[in-house]
Amino acid sequence: MPSLVVRNLDETLIKALKTRAVMHHRSSEAEHRAILAEALLQPKRKSFAEAILSIPNVGLDSDFQRENELVTASDVFD
C-alpha cells in the first residue's frame, strides 16, 4: 500500500490530530487516514444555487395564485 509523508506541520495541528484520535479511540495514523477519506471520498455537496437550479419546473406562477385575493390582514386569524 502506498505511503504519504506530510512534512512541516504546525505543532498545534499535530496536537489536534492526536486529541481527535484519542476521542475516536484510534491511532493518529488511523485518524489521519479517516480524515483524508472523509475529505476526499465523500460526495460533493451541492451549493444552494445548484440545489435551487435542480428543482424541476412544475408549472406557471398563475397555478399558485390564491383563489381569494381580497383577504385582509384582519381576516387571516379568523
C-alpha atoms as a PDB file:
ATOM      1  CA  MET A   1       0.000   0.000   0.000  1.00  0.00           C
ATOM      2  CA  PRO A   2       1.401   3.461  -0.852  1.00  0.00           C
ATOM      3  CA  SER A   3       2.501   5.815   1.913  1.00  0.00           C
ATOM      4  CA  LEU A   4       2.095   9.535   2.351  1.00  0.00           C
ATOM      5  CA  VAL A   5       4.561  11.710   4.240  1.00  0.00           C
ATOM      6  CA  VAL A   6       3.462  15.171   5.352  1.00  0.00           C
ATOM      7  CA  ARG A   7       6.281  17.459   6.425  1.00  0.00           C
ATOM      8  CA  ASN A   8       6.446  20.832   8.153  1.00  0.00           C
ATOM      9  CA  LEU A   9       3.173  20.580  10.076  1.00  0.00           C
ATOM     10  CA  ASP A  10       2.475  23.087  12.814  1.00  0.00           C
ATOM     11  CA  GLU A  11       2.704  21.576  16.293  1.00  0.00           C
ATOM     12  CA  THR A  12      -0.845  22.696  17.149  1.00  0.00           C
ATOM     13  CA  LEU A  13      -2.132  20.723  14.159  1.00  0.00           C
ATOM     14  CA  ILE A  14      -0.323  17.596  15.321  1.00  0.00           C
ATOM     15  CA  LYS A  15      -1.718  18.011  18.849  1.00  0.00           C
ATOM     16  CA  ALA A  16      -5.225  18.463  17.431  1.00  0.00           C
ATOM     17  CA  LEU A  17      -4.814  15.284  15.360  1.00  0.00           C
ATOM     18  CA  LYS A  18      -3.674  13.309  18.399  1.00  0.00           C
ATOM     19  CA  THR A  19      -6.545  14.675  20.505  1.00  0.00           C
ATOM     20  CA  ARG A  20      -9.079  13.775  17.830  1.00  0.00           C
ATOM     21  CA  ALA A  21      -7.551  10.293  17.517  1.00  0.00           C
ATOM     22  CA  VAL A  22      -7.937   9.702  21.243  1.00  0.00           C
ATOM     23  CA  MET A  23     -11.575  10.852  21.086  1.00  0.00           C
ATOM     24  CA  HIS A  24     -12.243   8.304  18.315  1.00  0.00           C
ATOM     25  CA  HIS A  25     -10.264   5.514  20.027  1.00  0.00           C
ATOM     26  CA  ARG A  26      -7.740   5.069  17.231  1.00  0.00           C
ATOM     27  CA  SER A  27      -4.122   5.821  16.437  1.00  0.00           C
ATOM     28  CA  SER A  28      -3.012   9.143  14.999  1.00  0.00           C
ATOM     29  CA  GLU A  29      -2.212   7.379  11.736  1.00  0.00           C
ATOM     30  CA  ALA A  30      -5.679   5.798  11.563  1.00  0.00           C
ATOM     31  CA  GLU A  31      -7.237   9.180  12.361  1.00  0.00           C
ATOM     32  CA  HIS A  32      -5.215  10.796   9.589  1.00  0.00           C
ATOM     33  CA  ARG A  33      -6.469   8.153   7.124  1.00  0.00           C
ATOM     34  CA  ALA A  34     -10.057   8.708   8.288  1.00  0.00           C
ATOM     35  CA  ILE A  35      -9.782  12.488   7.859  1.00  0.00           C
ATOM     36  CA  LEU A  36      -8.347  12.106   4.357  1.00  0.00           C
ATOM     37  CA  ALA A  37     -11.044   9.601   3.360  1.00  0.00           C
ATOM     38  CA  GLU A  38     -13.808  11.845   4.746  1.00  0.00           C
ATOM     39  CA  ALA A  39     -12.474  14.905   2.950  1.00  0.00           C
ATOM     40  CA  LEU A  40     -11.706  13.280  -0.382  1.00  0.00           C
ATOM     41  CA  LEU A  41     -14.140  10.398  -0.860  1.00  0.00           C
ATOM     42  CA  GLN A  42     -17.454  11.873   0.281  1.00  0.00           C
ATOM     43  CA  PRO A  43     -19.765  13.033  -2.489  1.00  0.00           C
ATOM     44  CA  LYS A  44     -19.507  16.760  -3.118  1.00  0.00           C
ATOM     45  CA  ARG A  45     -22.384  18.688  -1.558  1.00  0.00           C
ATOM     46  CA  LYS A  46     -24.431  20.928  -3.813  1.00  0.00           C
ATOM     47  CA  SER A  47     -24.299  24.648  -3.275  1.00  0.00           C
ATOM     48  CA  PHE A  48     -27.561  26.434  -2.525  1.00  0.00           C
ATOM     49  CA  ALA A  49     -27.638  27.776  -6.089  1.00  0.00           C
ATOM     50  CA  GLU A  50     -27.129  24.276  -7.523  1.00  0.00           C
ATOM     51  CA  ALA A  51     -29.931  22.910  -5.334  1.00  0.00           C
ATOM     52  CA  ILE A  52     -32.322  25.655  -6.455  1.00  0.00           C
ATOM     53  CA  LEU A  53     -31.418  25.137 -10.102  1.00  0.00           C
ATOM     54  CA  SER A  54     -32.081  21.398  -9.808  1.00  0.00           C
ATOM     55  CA  ILE A  55     -35.737  21.949  -8.809  1.00  0.00           C
ATOM     56  CA  PRO A  56     -37.888  20.994 -11.803  1.00  0.00           C
ATOM     57  CA  ASN A  57     -40.199  23.494 -13.488  1.00  0.00           C
ATOM     58  CA  VAL A  58     -43.637  22.350 -12.307  1.00  0.00           C
ATOM     59  CA  GLY A  59     -45.974  24.988 -13.628  1.00  0.00           C
ATOM     60  CA  LEU A  60     -46.781  28.612 -14.101  1.00  0.00           C
ATOM     61  CA  ASP A  61     -46.892  31.252 -11.399  1.00  0.00           C
ATOM     62  CA  SER A  62     -50.631  31.535 -12.035  1.00  0.00           C
ATOM     63  CA  ASP A  63     -51.026  27.909 -10.879  1.00  0.00           C
ATOM     64  CA  PHE A  64     -50.055  29.027  -7.381  1.00  0.00           C
ATOM     65  CA  GLN A  65     -52.145  32.188  -7.011  1.00  0.00           C
ATOM     66  CA  ARG A  66     -54.647  32.368  -4.195  1.00  0.00           C
ATOM     67  CA  GLU A  67     -58.252  31.981  -5.181  1.00  0.00           C
ATOM     68  CA  ASN A  68     -59.410  34.786  -2.921  1.00  0.00           C
ATOM     69  CA  GLU A  69     -57.133  37.785  -3.375  1.00  0.00           C
ATOM     70  CA  LEU A  70     -59.444  40.001  -1.274  1.00  0.00           C
ATOM     71  CA  VAL A  71     -58.271  38.634   2.099  1.00  0.00           C
ATOM     72  CA  THR A  72     -57.263  41.386   4.526  1.00  0.00           C
ATOM     73  CA  ALA A  73     -54.839  41.119   7.392  1.00  0.00           C
ATOM     74  CA  SER A  74     -57.655  41.059   9.933  1.00  0.00           C
ATOM     75  CA  ASP A  75     -59.211  38.021   8.160  1.00  0.00           C
ATOM     76  CA  VAL A  76     -56.064  35.905   8.402  1.00  0.00           C
ATOM     77  CA  PHE A  77     -56.544  34.796  12.005  1.00  0.00           C
ATOM     78  CA  ASP A  78     -60.340  34.464  11.960  1.00  0.00           C
END
